[in-house]
Structure formats: C-alpha cells, structure tokens
Amino acid sequence: MSTTKTKDLKSFRALSFDIFGTLVDDESGLYDTLMATTLVQSLPESHPLRTSRSALLNHFFQVSDAAQQSHPNEHHLPLAYTQLSEELAPGRDKATVATEAAAFASCPATFPAFPDTAAAMQLLASHYKLIPLTNMDTATFAAVCWGPLAGVHFDAVYTAEDIGSYKPDLRNFEYLLQHLKDDLGVEKGELLHVAQSLHADHVPANQMGLRNCYVVRNSVTGKELERQPEVEWKVDGLEGLAKLVEEAWRDE
C-alpha cells in the first residue's frame, strides 16, 4: 500500500464498526452455543448440521437473516432459534422451545472477542471517535460491552433497535450519518466504515458513498454476491488497520 494512501487515514475523524465478525468472533461463539443445545444434540450424529461447522453456521445465518428481514422490530436471535426448532424438530413442546429461545438470546455476551480486538481498539481510540453500527438490540450490546468488549471505549452507539431496521438496509447508514453529524459533529467525508461483512456492510457502504475498510477474518460464512463491493482498504484483522494507522502518524 502506498505511503500516500496510508497517510490518507489521517483525514478521518471517526470510525464506524460492525461488531459481530469484526470485533467479536460470533462464528466461534454461535457454533459452540448451538452445538450445546438440546435441539442440535437431538439430531442424528450423521446429520450435516452436526458434522459440519460451516453447514450449521451458514444454515443458522440464513434463518437469522430471514428473521431480521421479516421482523425488523423484534430481537432476532430468539425468533431465529424458534424457527430453527420448528424446522428441525417440529412438534416440540412450545413452552420448552420458548425457554430455550430466551436463554439463546443471551448467548452473545459469552462470545469471545478476536485476540487483536482490545489492543487495536485502544490504539484506534487515540486517533478517532469509535462508533458501533450493529444489528444487535440495545440490551444485548450492553451485555457484550460488559463481556467480550469490556474496556473498549465507544463515543456513541447505534443499534438496530434504535433504528428500527437491520443492515444491509440503507436506513441504518442514513441514521448513522445523521446522528454522527448531530451527536458528534462528524461529517460523511470524515468517516471510515470498518467491517468484515461484505453483504451487510460494504455493499450498502458503497451505495451510500462511504469510504470503507474491509477487515478480513477466517470466516466460513457469507452470502454469494453477484458483484463484489469496492473496498478502499483491505486489512488482515483489526491489527492490520491499527498498524496502518500507526504508520500514518509515525512521521508527525
């Protein structure tokens, strides 16, 4: 990457982030949680959702995405679990499923942060305002901040519950830009959107004309895209972005 391009990182005042998949390892957390459920354990040992990590996660994300789109004003995790239960084990006791779904809804607080998250976010906070744009509800995000993201500072927080829709809906990004301006005095051109998800973040970021940084993680999930979005920076993990930012400020 050219020195001029790296130095351009000094032009931003704020970074907006996706949380799951970028700062928090939701795939590992979800896989461990799902595998421990009675629902998955009751499947035959040869069932592909028990034998393949990729199959289980991709199937769950399909169900979860559908729940987000069909019920944009509801917490999607218990809804997704309920729908998964109805698909895999129809006829289960509804009260039992409801109890399991409620417990499942709290699982994000137990997901691990990626190993590079804490140190990278500490460095980035010394140069930028940091703002999550997350598909979580407010209570779940608060629990995550007390859990895997304990000690990470954010200057503002914008959740799907605040907005009333889920990414990749453009309303989420419109809300982000308006509130950044109103709350923090940050203009669109002063923002860099940082995320792992091409579908949920970088496609709409392109549509909104936002500058962006693609954080590459070792992911086994993701939607097939007809056209790959443009990314201005591509880095290996948050550590990769932190190193570029250090380089940008090194000669001051």
Protein backbone atom coordinates (compact mmCIF):
# COMPACT_ATOMS: atom_id res chain seq x y z
CA MET A 1 0.00 0.00 0.00
CA SER A 2 1.38 3.41 -0.97
CA THR A 3 2.59 5.88 1.63
CA THR A 4 0.14 8.45 0.26
CA LYS A 5 -2.75 6.03 0.69
CA THR A 6 -1.70 5.20 4.25
CA LYS A 7 -1.36 8.87 5.14
CA ASP A 8 -4.92 9.38 3.93
CA LEU A 9 -6.08 7.60 7.08
CA LYS A 10 -5.25 10.83 8.93
CA SER A 11 -8.11 12.58 7.12
CA PHE A 12 -10.77 10.74 9.15
CA ARG A 13 -12.21 11.82 12.49
CA ALA A 14 -14.32 8.75 13.19
CA LEU A 15 -14.52 5.02 12.51
CA SER A 16 -17.82 3.14 12.46
CA PHE A 17 -17.73 -0.59 13.08
CA ASP A 18 -19.68 -3.74 12.61
CA ILE A 19 -19.33 -5.73 15.84
CA PHE A 20 -20.01 -9.42 15.17
CA GLY A 21 -17.45 -10.83 12.78
CA THR A 22 -15.24 -7.74 13.06
CA LEU A 23 -14.57 -7.21 16.78
CA VAL A 24 -16.29 -10.29 18.22
CA ASP A 25 -15.87 -13.86 16.95
CA ASP A 26 -19.54 -14.63 16.53
CA GLU A 27 -18.91 -17.74 14.44
CA SER A 28 -16.99 -19.50 17.21
CA GLY A 29 -19.46 -18.30 19.82
CA LEU A 30 -22.54 -19.32 17.86
CA TYR A 31 -21.12 -22.69 16.88
CA ASP A 32 -20.27 -23.61 20.47
CA THR A 33 -23.66 -22.39 21.70
CA LEU A 34 -25.67 -24.17 19.01
CA MET A 35 -23.75 -27.42 19.39
CA ALA A 36 -24.56 -27.45 23.12
CA THR A 37 -28.31 -27.05 22.59
CA THR A 38 -30.74 -29.90 23.05
CA LEU A 39 -32.06 -29.07 19.59
CA VAL A 40 -28.79 -29.82 17.77
CA GLN A 41 -27.75 -32.65 20.09
CA SER A 42 -31.03 -34.43 19.34
CA LEU A 43 -30.19 -34.62 15.64
CA PRO A 44 -28.68 -37.87 14.32
CA GLU A 45 -24.89 -37.93 14.70
CA SER A 46 -24.56 -38.14 10.91
CA HIS A 47 -26.76 -35.08 10.31
CA PRO A 48 -24.79 -32.43 8.34
CA LEU A 49 -25.67 -29.75 10.87
CA ARG A 50 -23.85 -31.82 13.50
CA THR A 51 -20.91 -32.89 11.37
CA SER A 52 -20.12 -29.63 9.57
CA ARG A 53 -19.32 -26.33 11.32
CA SER A 54 -19.79 -24.47 8.04
CA ALA A 55 -23.17 -26.09 7.34
CA LEU A 56 -24.52 -25.34 10.82
CA LEU A 57 -23.39 -21.72 10.83
CA ASN A 58 -24.48 -20.94 7.29
CA HIS A 59 -27.88 -22.51 7.88
CA PHE A 60 -28.37 -20.61 11.12
CA PHE A 61 -27.39 -17.32 9.47
CA GLN A 62 -29.91 -17.98 6.69
CA VAL A 63 -32.64 -18.42 9.30
CA SER A 64 -31.41 -15.41 11.26
CA ASP A 65 -31.26 -13.14 8.20
CA ALA A 66 -34.80 -14.10 7.28
CA ALA A 67 -35.96 -13.33 10.83
CA GLN A 68 -34.30 -9.92 10.68
CA GLN A 69 -35.96 -9.02 7.42
CA SER A 70 -39.43 -10.31 8.31
CA HIS A 71 -39.47 -8.90 11.86
CA PRO A 72 -37.25 -5.78 11.81
CA ASN A 73 -38.58 -4.52 15.14
CA GLU A 74 -38.01 -7.75 17.07
CA HIS A 75 -34.96 -9.31 18.71
CA HIS A 76 -33.93 -11.76 16.00
CA LEU A 77 -31.98 -14.36 18.00
CA PRO A 78 -34.87 -15.94 19.95
CA LEU A 79 -37.04 -15.72 16.84
CA ALA A 80 -34.36 -17.44 14.74
CA TYR A 81 -33.92 -20.18 17.34
CA THR A 82 -37.67 -20.78 17.46
CA GLN A 83 -37.87 -21.01 13.68
CA LEU A 84 -34.87 -23.36 13.59
CA SER A 85 -36.55 -25.58 16.18
CA GLU A 86 -39.77 -25.68 14.17
CA GLU A 87 -37.78 -26.70 11.10
CA LEU A 88 -35.55 -29.36 12.67
CA ALA A 89 -37.88 -30.75 15.33
CA PRO A 90 -41.50 -29.89 14.56
CA GLY A 91 -43.92 -30.69 17.32
CA ARG A 92 -41.60 -29.94 20.24
CA ASP A 93 -43.25 -28.56 23.35
CA LYS A 94 -43.77 -24.82 22.77
CA ALA A 95 -43.02 -23.85 26.36
CA THR A 96 -39.72 -25.74 26.24
CA VAL A 97 -38.76 -24.08 22.96
CA ALA A 98 -39.66 -20.65 24.34
CA THR A 99 -37.43 -21.22 27.38
CA GLU A 100 -34.55 -22.37 25.21
CA ALA A 101 -35.02 -19.43 22.84
CA ALA A 102 -34.93 -16.95 25.72
CA ALA A 103 -31.70 -18.48 27.01
CA PHE A 104 -30.23 -18.50 23.50
CA ALA A 105 -30.92 -14.76 23.16
CA SER A 106 -28.33 -14.00 25.86
CA CYS A 107 -25.52 -16.00 24.26
CA PRO A 108 -23.68 -13.09 22.54
CA ALA A 109 -22.36 -11.91 25.92
CA THR A 110 -20.35 -15.15 26.05
CA PHE A 111 -18.82 -14.87 22.57
CA PRO A 112 -15.05 -14.22 22.53
CA ALA A 113 -13.51 -11.07 21.17
CA PHE A 114 -10.90 -11.68 18.48
CA PRO A 115 -7.40 -11.77 20.01
CA ASP A 116 -6.38 -8.50 18.32
CA THR A 117 -9.50 -6.51 19.21
CA ALA A 118 -8.59 -4.94 22.56
CA ALA A 119 -5.13 -3.67 21.61
CA ALA A 120 -6.24 -2.47 18.17
CA MET A 121 -9.25 -0.60 19.51
CA GLN A 122 -7.13 1.05 22.20
CA LEU A 123 -4.76 2.39 19.56
CA LEU A 124 -7.55 3.47 17.22
CA ALA A 125 -9.28 5.32 20.07
CA SER A 126 -6.22 7.55 20.41
CA HIS A 127 -6.82 8.91 16.90
CA TYR A 128 -10.54 8.59 16.14
CA LYS A 129 -14.01 8.58 17.60
CA LEU A 130 -15.29 4.99 17.59
CA ILE A 131 -18.93 4.16 16.83
CA PRO A 132 -20.61 0.74 16.50
CA LEU A 133 -23.33 0.30 13.88
CA THR A 134 -24.69 -3.06 14.97
CA ASN A 135 -27.57 -5.39 14.23
CA MET A 136 -27.83 -6.12 17.94
CA ASP A 137 -30.55 -4.80 20.20
CA THR A 138 -29.57 -2.32 22.91
CA ALA A 139 -29.63 -4.74 25.86
CA THR A 140 -27.58 -7.37 24.03
CA PHE A 141 -25.00 -4.80 23.02
CA ALA A 142 -24.74 -3.59 26.61
CA ALA A 143 -24.11 -7.17 27.73
CA VAL A 144 -21.42 -7.58 25.06
CA CYS A 145 -19.74 -4.39 26.29
CA TRP A 146 -19.62 -5.87 29.79
CA GLY A 147 -18.37 -9.17 28.38
CA PRO A 148 -16.03 -9.65 25.40
CA LEU A 149 -15.67 -5.90 24.75
CA ALA A 150 -15.06 -4.89 28.36
CA GLY A 151 -12.62 -1.97 28.39
CA VAL A 152 -13.29 -0.93 24.78
CA HIS A 153 -14.37 2.73 24.59
CA PHE A 154 -17.12 3.91 22.22
CA ASP A 155 -18.12 7.52 21.64
CA ALA A 156 -21.66 6.70 20.50
CA VAL A 157 -23.65 3.50 19.90
CA TYR A 158 -26.27 2.91 17.19
CA THR A 159 -28.18 -0.37 17.33
CA ALA A 160 -30.80 -2.00 15.12
CA GLU A 161 -33.29 -1.45 17.92
CA ASP A 162 -32.60 2.30 17.85
CA ILE A 163 -33.02 2.43 14.10
CA GLY A 164 -35.91 0.01 13.55
CA SER A 165 -34.22 -1.97 10.77
CA TYR A 166 -31.28 -4.28 10.22
CA LYS A 167 -28.27 -3.85 7.96
CA PRO A 168 -27.93 -4.00 4.99
CA ASP A 169 -30.94 -1.68 4.97
CA LEU A 170 -29.76 1.76 3.89
CA ARG A 171 -31.82 3.32 6.67
CA ASN A 172 -29.19 2.10 9.12
CA PHE A 173 -26.47 4.00 7.31
CA GLU A 174 -28.64 7.08 6.87
CA TYR A 175 -29.25 7.00 10.63
CA LEU A 176 -25.52 6.64 11.23
CA LEU A 177 -24.61 9.65 9.12
CA GLN A 178 -27.34 11.90 10.53
CA HIS A 179 -26.58 11.04 14.14
CA LEU A 180 -22.84 11.31 13.71
CA LYS A 181 -23.37 14.84 12.49
CA ASP A 182 -25.89 15.72 15.20
CA ASP A 183 -24.22 13.91 18.10
CA LEU A 184 -20.52 14.26 17.36
CA GLY A 185 -20.22 16.88 14.65
CA VAL A 186 -18.70 14.35 12.24
CA GLU A 187 -19.41 14.79 8.53
CA LYS A 188 -19.77 11.96 6.00
CA GLY A 189 -16.35 12.61 4.47
CA GLU A 190 -14.71 12.35 7.89
CA LEU A 191 -15.95 8.78 8.47
CA LEU A 192 -14.36 5.44 7.61
CA HIS A 193 -16.64 2.38 7.88
CA VAL A 194 -14.77 -0.69 9.14
CA ALA A 195 -16.32 -4.16 8.82
CA GLN A 196 -15.87 -7.81 7.88
CA SER A 197 -19.24 -8.39 6.21
CA LEU A 198 -19.34 -7.60 2.51
CA HIS A 199 -23.10 -8.14 2.24
CA ALA A 200 -24.31 -6.35 5.37
CA ASP A 201 -21.77 -3.53 5.45
CA HIS A 202 -19.67 -2.92 2.37
CA VAL A 203 -22.41 -3.24 -0.24
CA PRO A 204 -24.58 -0.59 1.48
CA ALA A 205 -21.48 1.48 2.29
CA ASN A 206 -20.78 1.61 -1.45
CA GLN A 207 -24.37 2.61 -2.13
CA MET A 208 -24.09 5.42 0.42
CA GLY A 209 -20.76 6.63 -0.95
CA LEU A 210 -18.92 5.85 2.29
CA ARG A 211 -15.20 5.22 2.37
CA ASN A 212 -14.53 1.78 3.79
CA CYS A 213 -12.05 -0.72 5.19
CA TYR A 214 -12.59 -4.45 4.75
CA VAL A 215 -11.38 -6.48 7.74
CA VAL A 216 -10.51 -10.00 6.63
CA ARG A 217 -11.26 -12.72 9.17
CA ASN A 218 -11.10 -16.51 8.87
CA SER A 219 -14.83 -16.78 8.19
CA VAL A 220 -16.72 -19.85 6.99
CA THR A 221 -19.95 -17.95 6.31
CA GLY A 222 -21.07 -15.28 3.89
CA LYS A 223 -23.55 -14.68 1.11
CA GLU A 224 -22.78 -15.17 -2.54
CA LEU A 225 -22.70 -11.74 -4.17
CA GLU A 226 -23.38 -11.06 -7.83
CA ARG A 227 -20.90 -8.21 -7.68
CA GLN A 228 -18.14 -7.66 -5.17
CA PRO A 229 -18.27 -4.26 -3.47
CA GLU A 230 -15.39 -1.86 -3.79
CA VAL A 231 -13.15 -1.58 -0.74
CA GLU A 232 -10.62 1.19 -0.26
CA TRP A 233 -8.53 -0.56 2.36
CA LYS A 234 -8.24 -4.32 2.94
CA VAL A 235 -6.52 -5.49 6.10
CA ASP A 236 -5.87 -8.75 7.93
CA GLY A 237 -7.78 -8.34 11.17
CA LEU A 238 -8.10 -5.15 13.22
CA GLU A 239 -4.41 -5.45 13.94
CA GLY A 240 -3.80 -4.77 10.25
CA LEU A 241 -5.73 -1.50 10.41
CA ALA A 242 -4.00 -0.48 13.64
CA LYS A 243 -0.59 -0.99 12.01
CA LEU A 244 -1.55 1.22 9.06
CA VAL A 245 -2.81 3.93 11.41
CA GLU A 246 0.44 3.77 13.40
CA GLU A 247 2.34 4.16 10.16
CA ALA A 248 0.20 7.11 9.09
CA TRP A 249 1.04 9.03 12.28
CA ARG A 250 4.64 7.84 12.63
CA ASP A 251 6.30 10.80 10.96
CA GLU A 252 4.47 13.52 12.93
